[in-house]
N, C-alpha and C. Protein backbone atom coordinates (compact mmCIF):
# COMPACT_ATOMS: atom_id res chain seq x y z
N UNK A 1 106.70 89.37 124.74
CA UNK A 1 106.25 90.29 125.35
C UNK A 1 105.07 90.22 124.48
N UNK A 2 103.71 91.19 125.56
CA UNK A 2 102.40 90.62 125.07
C UNK A 2 102.03 92.42 123.82
N UNK A 3 101.58 92.01 122.60
CA UNK A 3 100.87 93.76 122.60
C UNK A 3 99.41 93.44 121.75
N UNK A 4 98.64 94.52 122.29
CA UNK A 4 97.25 94.74 121.68
C UNK A 4 97.17 95.83 120.52
N UNK A 5 96.96 95.52 119.49
CA UNK A 5 96.80 96.80 118.55
C UNK A 5 95.45 96.50 117.51
N UNK A 6 95.05 97.18 117.10
CA UNK A 6 94.28 97.13 115.53
C UNK A 6 94.56 97.41 114.19
N UNK A 7 94.35 96.33 113.35
CA UNK A 7 95.49 96.75 112.15
C UNK A 7 93.97 96.05 111.00
N UNK A 8 93.57 97.90 110.58
CA UNK A 8 92.44 97.59 109.76
C UNK A 8 91.01 97.80 110.59
N UNK A 9 91.09 98.09 112.14
CA UNK A 9 90.06 97.57 112.72
C UNK A 9 89.33 96.37 113.09
N UNK A 10 90.65 95.64 113.01
CA UNK A 10 90.65 94.31 113.82
C UNK A 10 91.93 94.39 114.55
N UNK A 11 90.92 93.60 115.92
CA UNK A 11 91.76 93.65 117.02
C UNK A 11 92.81 92.51 116.94
N UNK A 12 93.88 92.68 117.68
CA UNK A 12 95.23 91.28 117.38
C UNK A 12 95.78 91.41 118.72
N UNK A 13 95.77 90.39 119.28
CA UNK A 13 96.81 90.21 120.73
C UNK A 13 97.79 89.10 120.44
N UNK A 14 98.88 89.29 120.78
CA UNK A 14 100.05 88.86 120.35
C UNK A 14 101.32 88.92 121.15
N UNK A 15 102.17 87.60 121.19
CA UNK A 15 103.31 87.71 121.80
C UNK A 15 104.40 87.69 120.66
N UNK A 16 105.16 88.49 120.82
CA UNK A 16 105.93 88.76 119.84
C UNK A 16 107.35 89.39 121.00
N UNK A 17 108.59 89.29 119.76
CA UNK A 17 109.62 89.36 120.31
C UNK A 17 110.02 91.06 120.71
N UNK A 18 110.47 91.42 121.47
CA UNK A 18 110.60 92.90 121.67
C UNK A 18 111.37 93.27 120.12
N UNK A 19 112.10 92.62 119.56
CA UNK A 19 112.67 93.41 117.92
C UNK A 19 111.79 93.03 116.88
N UNK A 20 110.53 92.63 116.93
CA UNK A 20 110.02 92.84 115.83
C UNK A 20 109.32 93.75 115.15
N UNK A 21 110.01 93.87 113.77
CA UNK A 21 109.42 95.22 113.36
C UNK A 21 108.13 95.25 113.09
N UNK A 22 107.50 95.93 112.94
CA UNK A 22 105.85 96.43 112.33
C UNK A 22 105.82 95.79 111.04
N UNK A 23 106.76 96.21 109.96
CA UNK A 23 106.12 95.57 108.81
C UNK A 23 106.48 94.29 108.73
N UNK A 24 107.17 93.27 109.71
CA UNK A 24 107.41 92.40 109.48
C UNK A 24 106.06 91.72 110.38
N UNK A 25 105.34 92.28 111.28
CA UNK A 25 104.01 91.66 112.05
C UNK A 25 103.07 92.22 111.10
N UNK A 26 103.03 93.03 110.69
CA UNK A 26 101.87 93.42 109.37
C UNK A 26 102.02 92.04 108.76
N UNK A 27 102.92 91.85 107.73
CA UNK A 27 103.07 91.29 106.73
C UNK A 27 102.25 89.56 107.12
N UNK A 28 102.87 89.28 108.93
CA UNK A 28 102.34 88.15 109.02
C UNK A 28 100.71 87.85 109.29
N UNK A 29 100.16 89.03 109.56
CA UNK A 29 98.82 88.98 109.44
C UNK A 29 98.11 89.25 108.70
N UNK A 30 98.90 88.97 107.15
CA UNK A 30 98.22 89.20 105.91
C UNK A 30 98.10 90.36 105.49
N UNK A 31 98.96 91.58 105.88
CA UNK A 31 98.92 92.57 104.88
C UNK A 31 100.30 92.67 104.08
N UNK A 32 99.62 92.17 102.73
CA UNK A 32 100.82 92.11 101.85
C UNK A 32 101.35 92.89 101.33
N UNK A 33 100.37 94.36 100.82
CA UNK A 33 100.87 95.59 100.66
C UNK A 33 101.93 95.86 101.24
N UNK A 34 102.01 95.73 102.44
CA UNK A 34 103.29 96.65 102.90
C UNK A 34 104.54 95.91 102.43
N UNK A 35 104.94 96.84 101.72
CA UNK A 35 106.13 95.81 101.07
C UNK A 35 107.64 96.50 101.40
N UNK A 36 108.63 95.65 101.12
CA UNK A 36 109.71 95.71 101.76
C UNK A 36 110.70 96.09 100.51
N UNK A 37 111.53 97.29 100.96
CA UNK A 37 111.97 97.78 99.95
C UNK A 37 113.78 97.78 100.18
N UNK A 38 113.89 99.10 100.71
CA UNK A 38 115.19 99.56 101.25
C UNK A 38 115.64 99.32 102.71
N UNK A 39 114.71 99.25 103.42
CA UNK A 39 114.96 98.65 104.81
C UNK A 39 115.67 99.99 105.36
N UNK A 40 115.93 100.69 105.08
CA UNK A 40 116.54 101.95 105.38
C UNK A 40 116.25 103.24 105.68
N UNK A 41 114.48 103.39 105.68
CA UNK A 41 113.66 104.03 106.04
C UNK A 41 113.96 105.60 104.69
N UNK A 42 114.19 105.51 103.39
CA UNK A 42 114.45 105.99 102.38
C UNK A 42 113.58 106.15 100.86
N UNK A 43 112.44 104.56 101.06
CA UNK A 43 111.86 104.61 99.94
C UNK A 43 110.44 104.51 99.60
N UNK A 44 109.60 104.69 100.93
CA UNK A 44 108.14 104.46 101.79
C UNK A 44 107.49 103.38 101.12
N UNK A 45 108.26 102.28 100.52
CA UNK A 45 107.16 101.55 100.15
C UNK A 45 106.24 100.72 101.51
N UNK A 46 107.01 100.85 102.47
CA UNK A 46 106.52 100.42 103.79
C UNK A 46 105.30 101.04 104.68
N UNK A 47 104.99 102.28 104.05
CA UNK A 47 104.24 103.23 104.40
C UNK A 47 102.86 102.55 105.03
N UNK A 48 102.62 103.09 106.64
CA UNK A 48 101.31 102.45 106.74
C UNK A 48 100.72 104.00 107.30
N UNK A 49 99.61 103.79 108.03
CA UNK A 49 99.13 104.86 108.73
C UNK A 49 99.05 104.50 110.48
N UNK A 50 99.87 105.35 111.47
CA UNK A 50 99.46 104.71 112.53
C UNK A 50 98.74 106.16 113.01
N UNK A 51 97.57 105.72 113.63
CA UNK A 51 96.55 106.73 114.17
C UNK A 51 96.61 107.43 113.36
N UNK A 52 96.46 107.02 112.01
CA UNK A 52 96.11 108.61 110.93
C UNK A 52 97.17 108.81 110.25
N UNK A 53 98.07 108.81 111.32
CA UNK A 53 99.53 109.55 110.33
C UNK A 53 100.75 108.58 109.59
N UNK A 54 101.14 108.98 108.60
CA UNK A 54 101.91 107.80 107.84
C UNK A 54 103.19 107.83 108.47
N UNK A 55 103.56 106.47 109.12
CA UNK A 55 104.85 105.96 109.11
C UNK A 55 105.58 104.84 108.58
N UNK A 56 107.12 104.86 108.81
CA UNK A 56 107.42 103.67 107.88
C UNK A 56 107.85 102.33 108.61
N UNK A 57 106.98 101.63 108.61
CA UNK A 57 106.85 100.46 109.04
C UNK A 57 108.36 99.61 108.95
N UNK A 58 109.29 99.80 108.34
CA UNK A 58 110.43 99.09 108.20
C UNK A 58 111.29 99.52 109.18
N UNK A 59 111.04 100.68 109.52
CA UNK A 59 112.16 101.32 111.09
C UNK A 59 111.40 101.39 112.10
N UNK A 60 110.14 100.95 112.38
CA UNK A 60 109.06 101.09 113.25
C UNK A 60 109.51 99.85 114.39
N UNK A 61 109.19 99.61 115.61
CA UNK A 61 109.12 98.46 116.21
C UNK A 61 107.57 98.03 115.84
N UNK A 62 107.44 96.70 116.02
CA UNK A 62 105.66 96.42 116.60
C UNK A 62 105.34 96.84 118.12
N UNK A 63 105.95 97.08 118.79
CA UNK A 63 105.40 97.57 120.22
C UNK A 63 105.49 98.24 120.35
N UNK A 64 106.07 99.72 119.10
CA UNK A 64 105.53 100.99 119.43
C UNK A 64 104.22 101.30 118.87
N UNK A 65 103.03 100.00 118.61
CA UNK A 65 102.05 100.46 117.93
C UNK A 65 100.77 100.04 118.50
N UNK A 66 101.57 99.04 119.90
CA UNK A 66 101.03 99.15 121.30
C UNK A 66 99.88 100.09 121.51
N UNK A 67 98.13 99.34 121.91
CA UNK A 67 97.56 99.84 121.86
C UNK A 67 96.89 101.14 120.95
N UNK A 68 97.67 100.58 119.64
CA UNK A 68 97.00 101.72 118.52
C UNK A 68 96.27 101.38 117.69
N UNK A 69 96.45 102.23 116.51
CA UNK A 69 95.64 101.63 115.59
C UNK A 69 96.16 101.59 114.24
N UNK A 70 96.42 100.87 113.33
CA UNK A 70 97.31 100.49 112.27
C UNK A 70 96.38 100.73 110.96
N UNK A 71 96.54 101.16 109.83
CA UNK A 71 95.93 101.22 109.02
C UNK A 71 96.94 100.68 107.69
N UNK A 72 96.39 99.81 107.08
CA UNK A 72 97.38 99.56 105.47
C UNK A 72 96.29 99.85 104.28
N UNK A 73 96.60 99.75 103.02
CA UNK A 73 95.65 99.58 102.09
C UNK A 73 94.79 98.88 101.98
N UNK A 74 95.07 97.64 102.98
CA UNK A 74 94.06 96.58 102.35
C UNK A 74 92.94 97.07 103.34
N UNK A 75 92.70 98.01 104.62
CA UNK A 75 91.93 98.74 105.32
C UNK A 75 91.05 100.13 104.37
N UNK A 76 91.55 100.36 103.31
CA UNK A 76 91.26 101.40 102.67
C UNK A 76 91.12 101.24 101.15
N UNK A 77 90.55 99.88 100.82
CA UNK A 77 90.61 99.43 99.52
C UNK A 77 89.62 100.98 99.03
N UNK A 78 88.46 101.32 99.17
CA UNK A 78 87.71 102.11 98.31
C UNK A 78 88.52 103.27 97.99
N UNK A 79 88.95 104.12 98.99
CA UNK A 79 89.94 105.25 98.90
C UNK A 79 91.18 104.85 97.71
N UNK A 80 91.76 103.72 98.01
CA UNK A 80 92.87 103.20 97.51
C UNK A 80 92.92 103.24 95.91
N UNK A 81 91.54 102.46 95.70
CA UNK A 81 90.92 102.36 94.42
C UNK A 81 90.77 103.63 93.54
N UNK A 82 90.26 104.44 94.22
CA UNK A 82 89.66 105.71 93.67
C UNK A 82 90.81 106.77 92.93
N UNK A 83 92.12 106.45 94.26
CA UNK A 83 93.57 106.94 93.83
C UNK A 83 94.30 106.52 92.86
N UNK A 84 94.11 104.99 92.76
CA UNK A 84 94.80 104.22 91.87
C UNK A 84 94.10 104.26 90.70
N UNK A 85 92.93 104.99 90.20
CA UNK A 85 92.24 104.91 89.05
C UNK A 85 92.87 106.65 88.77
N UNK A 86 92.88 107.42 89.19
CA UNK A 86 93.79 109.27 88.66
C UNK A 86 95.19 108.61 88.34
N UNK A 87 96.10 107.44 89.10
CA UNK A 87 97.32 107.34 88.65
C UNK A 87 96.97 106.79 87.33
N UNK A 88 96.15 105.77 87.04
CA UNK A 88 95.73 104.90 85.76
C UNK A 88 95.72 106.10 84.69
N UNK A 89 94.90 107.04 84.87
CA UNK A 89 94.46 108.01 83.86
C UNK A 89 95.54 109.10 83.42
N UNK A 90 96.19 109.23 84.61
CA UNK A 90 97.59 109.91 84.01
C UNK A 90 98.94 109.42 83.73
N UNK A 91 98.66 108.24 83.13
CA UNK A 91 99.83 107.10 83.08
C UNK A 91 101.07 106.86 83.92
N UNK A 92 100.69 107.15 85.20
CA UNK A 92 101.85 106.68 85.99
C UNK A 92 101.82 105.74 86.67
N UNK A 93 100.95 104.71 86.57
CA UNK A 93 100.68 103.53 86.93
C UNK A 93 101.28 102.71 86.23
N UNK A 94 102.87 102.15 86.57
CA UNK A 94 103.60 101.50 85.67
C UNK A 94 103.69 99.90 85.95
N UNK A 95 104.80 99.53 87.19
CA UNK A 95 104.94 98.54 87.46
C UNK A 95 104.17 98.22 88.93
N UNK A 96 104.03 99.13 89.55
CA UNK A 96 102.66 99.25 90.64
C UNK A 96 103.46 98.71 91.62
N UNK A 97 104.90 98.90 92.07
CA UNK A 97 105.85 98.19 93.47
C UNK A 97 105.16 99.47 94.49
N UNK A 98 105.49 100.69 93.89
CA UNK A 98 106.16 101.53 95.42
C UNK A 98 104.18 102.07 95.12
N UNK A 99 103.36 101.88 95.00
CA UNK A 99 101.64 102.34 94.63
C UNK A 99 101.16 102.04 96.04
N UNK A 100 101.24 100.97 96.68
CA UNK A 100 100.68 100.96 97.75
C UNK A 100 100.96 101.71 99.05
N UNK A 101 102.35 102.23 99.44
CA UNK A 101 103.03 103.12 100.38
C UNK A 101 102.91 104.22 99.69
N UNK A 102 103.12 104.67 98.54
CA UNK A 102 102.63 106.32 97.68
C UNK A 102 101.09 106.76 98.10
N UNK A 103 100.33 106.00 97.48
CA UNK A 103 98.79 105.99 98.10
C UNK A 103 98.38 106.26 99.67
N UNK A 104 99.18 105.55 100.48
CA UNK A 104 99.12 105.54 101.65
C UNK A 104 99.40 106.93 102.29
N UNK A 105 100.56 107.88 101.32
CA UNK A 105 100.82 108.53 101.52
C UNK A 105 99.94 109.96 101.22
N UNK A 106 99.60 109.64 100.31
CA UNK A 106 98.65 110.52 99.49
C UNK A 106 97.17 110.45 100.31
N UNK A 107 96.84 109.85 100.52
CA UNK A 107 95.73 109.44 101.45
C UNK A 107 95.80 110.23 102.57
N UNK A 108 96.89 110.08 103.10
CA UNK A 108 96.89 110.67 104.37
C UNK A 108 96.87 112.50 104.37
N UNK A 109 97.92 112.70 103.69
CA UNK A 109 97.72 113.77 102.72
C UNK A 109 96.61 114.88 102.53
N UNK A 110 95.96 113.85 101.83
CA UNK A 110 94.34 114.23 101.66
C UNK A 110 93.44 114.84 102.74
N UNK A 111 93.70 114.28 104.27
CA UNK A 111 93.47 114.10 105.09
C UNK A 111 93.70 115.54 106.01
N UNK A 112 95.04 115.54 105.62
CA UNK A 112 96.19 116.59 106.69
C UNK A 112 96.22 118.00 106.18
N UNK A 113 96.34 118.13 104.75
CA UNK A 113 96.44 119.81 104.50
C UNK A 113 95.19 119.54 103.73
N UNK A 114 95.06 120.87 103.63
CA UNK A 114 93.77 121.77 102.78
C UNK A 114 94.41 122.58 101.97
N UNK A 115 94.09 122.12 100.42
CA UNK A 115 94.51 122.99 99.63
C UNK A 115 95.89 122.77 99.22
N UNK A 116 96.87 121.96 99.41
CA UNK A 116 98.26 122.00 99.38
C UNK A 116 98.47 122.88 97.98
N UNK A 117 99.70 123.67 98.19
CA UNK A 117 100.70 123.97 97.19
C UNK A 117 101.25 122.68 96.41
N UNK A 118 101.26 123.07 95.29
CA UNK A 118 102.70 121.95 94.67
C UNK A 118 103.61 121.80 95.51
N UNK A 119 104.39 122.72 96.00
CA UNK A 119 105.56 122.29 96.99
C UNK A 119 105.37 121.36 98.20
N UNK A 120 103.97 121.99 98.13
CA UNK A 120 103.91 121.44 99.82
C UNK A 120 103.23 119.50 99.48
N UNK A 121 102.98 119.62 98.16
CA UNK A 121 102.73 117.82 97.62
C UNK A 121 104.03 117.36 97.72
N UNK A 122 105.28 118.19 96.82
CA UNK A 122 106.11 117.42 96.96
C UNK A 122 106.99 117.22 97.92
N UNK A 123 107.01 118.08 98.73
CA UNK A 123 107.77 118.10 100.04
C UNK A 123 106.80 116.97 101.06
N UNK A 124 105.69 116.81 100.77
CA UNK A 124 104.78 115.59 101.78
C UNK A 124 105.40 114.04 100.97
N UNK A 125 105.75 114.15 99.80
CA UNK A 125 105.90 112.94 99.49
C UNK A 125 107.19 112.79 98.99
N UNK A 126 108.27 113.58 98.97
CA UNK A 126 109.50 113.46 99.01
C UNK A 126 110.28 112.11 99.11
N UNK A 127 109.83 110.95 100.02
CA UNK A 127 110.18 109.83 100.58
C UNK A 127 109.61 108.81 100.09
N UNK A 128 108.74 109.28 98.73
CA UNK A 128 108.51 107.76 98.07
C UNK A 128 109.19 107.67 96.84
N UNK A 129 110.08 106.80 96.38
CA UNK A 129 110.83 106.27 95.26
C UNK A 129 110.19 105.57 94.31
N UNK A 130 110.24 105.61 93.40
CA UNK A 130 109.66 105.10 92.26
C UNK A 130 110.60 105.52 91.04
N UNK A 131 110.65 103.97 90.44
CA UNK A 131 111.99 103.69 89.38
C UNK A 131 111.37 104.01 88.01
N UNK A 132 109.71 103.90 88.09
CA UNK A 132 109.25 104.01 86.73
C UNK A 132 108.96 105.07 86.24
N UNK A 133 108.32 105.88 86.55
CA UNK A 133 107.53 107.26 86.21
C UNK A 133 108.13 108.51 85.92
N UNK A 134 109.10 108.85 86.58
CA UNK A 134 109.47 110.16 86.34
C UNK A 134 108.70 111.44 87.17
N UNK A 135 107.91 110.61 88.07
CA UNK A 135 106.95 111.21 88.90
C UNK A 135 105.95 112.47 88.46
N UNK A 136 106.31 112.96 87.47
CA UNK A 136 105.29 113.91 86.40
C UNK A 136 103.86 113.42 86.45
N UNK A 137 103.62 112.03 86.01
CA UNK A 137 102.48 111.74 85.69
C UNK A 137 101.63 111.36 87.49
N UNK A 138 102.87 111.12 88.66
CA UNK A 138 102.06 111.23 90.00
C UNK A 138 101.17 112.11 90.33
N UNK A 139 102.35 113.32 90.06
CA UNK A 139 102.05 114.84 90.44
C UNK A 139 100.55 115.25 89.66
N UNK A 140 100.80 115.00 88.66
CA UNK A 140 99.52 115.11 87.88
C UNK A 140 98.13 114.17 88.62
N UNK A 141 98.38 113.35 88.57
CA UNK A 141 97.09 112.49 89.53
C UNK A 141 96.91 112.80 91.13
N UNK A 142 97.86 113.06 91.63
CA UNK A 142 97.60 113.54 92.88
C UNK A 142 96.77 115.26 92.98
N UNK A 143 97.55 115.97 91.95
CA UNK A 143 96.52 117.34 92.02
C UNK A 143 95.14 117.20 91.38
N UNK A 144 95.07 115.91 90.92
CA UNK A 144 93.42 115.92 90.15
C UNK A 144 92.58 115.23 91.34
N UNK A 145 93.24 114.72 92.01
CA UNK A 145 92.70 113.83 93.27
C UNK A 145 92.16 115.05 94.38
N UNK A 146 93.24 115.44 94.68
CA UNK A 146 93.16 116.79 95.62
C UNK A 146 92.06 117.31 95.10
N UNK A 147 92.07 117.62 93.76
CA UNK A 147 91.21 118.80 93.45
C UNK A 147 89.56 119.03 93.46
N UNK A 148 89.37 117.36 93.22
CA UNK A 148 88.33 116.55 93.54
C UNK A 148 87.89 116.84 94.84
N UNK A 149 88.49 116.61 95.99
CA UNK A 149 88.21 116.95 97.27
C UNK A 149 87.86 118.44 97.80
N UNK A 150 88.49 118.99 97.11
CA UNK A 150 88.79 120.52 97.50
C UNK A 150 87.50 121.17 96.57
N UNK A 151 86.83 120.72 95.35
CA UNK A 151 85.58 121.25 95.04
C UNK A 151 84.70 120.01 96.03
N UNK A 152 84.89 119.63 96.51
CA UNK A 152 83.26 118.95 96.93
C UNK A 152 83.23 119.54 98.36
N UNK A 153 84.31 119.95 98.73
CA UNK A 153 84.16 121.07 99.85
C UNK A 153 83.61 121.93 99.84
N UNK A 154 84.27 122.79 98.86
CA UNK A 154 83.31 124.03 98.06
C UNK A 154 82.02 124.02 98.25
N UNK A 155 81.85 122.53 97.40
CA UNK A 155 80.11 122.42 97.17
C UNK A 155 79.27 122.24 98.39
N UNK A 156 79.95 121.72 99.57
CA UNK A 156 79.32 121.65 100.89
C UNK A 156 78.90 122.38 101.72
């Protein structure tokens, strides 16, 4: 079956098996930030943006992205690096294995929610597992990152 999609604004047309998982397709195209974790839609490591909305690529068939735009961390490196700095400043960057999926969700949340409460932040990120940090540093980093953009909007 032939599909056509855009990965980080680059067009791909490819013949795939109907059961090809999006995670495998993306990795075959060099998007190695998309990580394989639980393969049960529970850890968030494989999060990518489909039309700007976070999805779990381990449980999405590649054919579902046919005609659509997929964004991985490779496609938003400037934003990802900026938020990574917030993680490091809060001591929340340890092994880094969960970071790509977590960062994809934080950036999607920044674009989707305006001035979220702490409960809304936790709810949005509840599918992202991290075995190293204990989440408090991550939460501080997310709040500071979102505050920066909230302050920028107020000043505009």
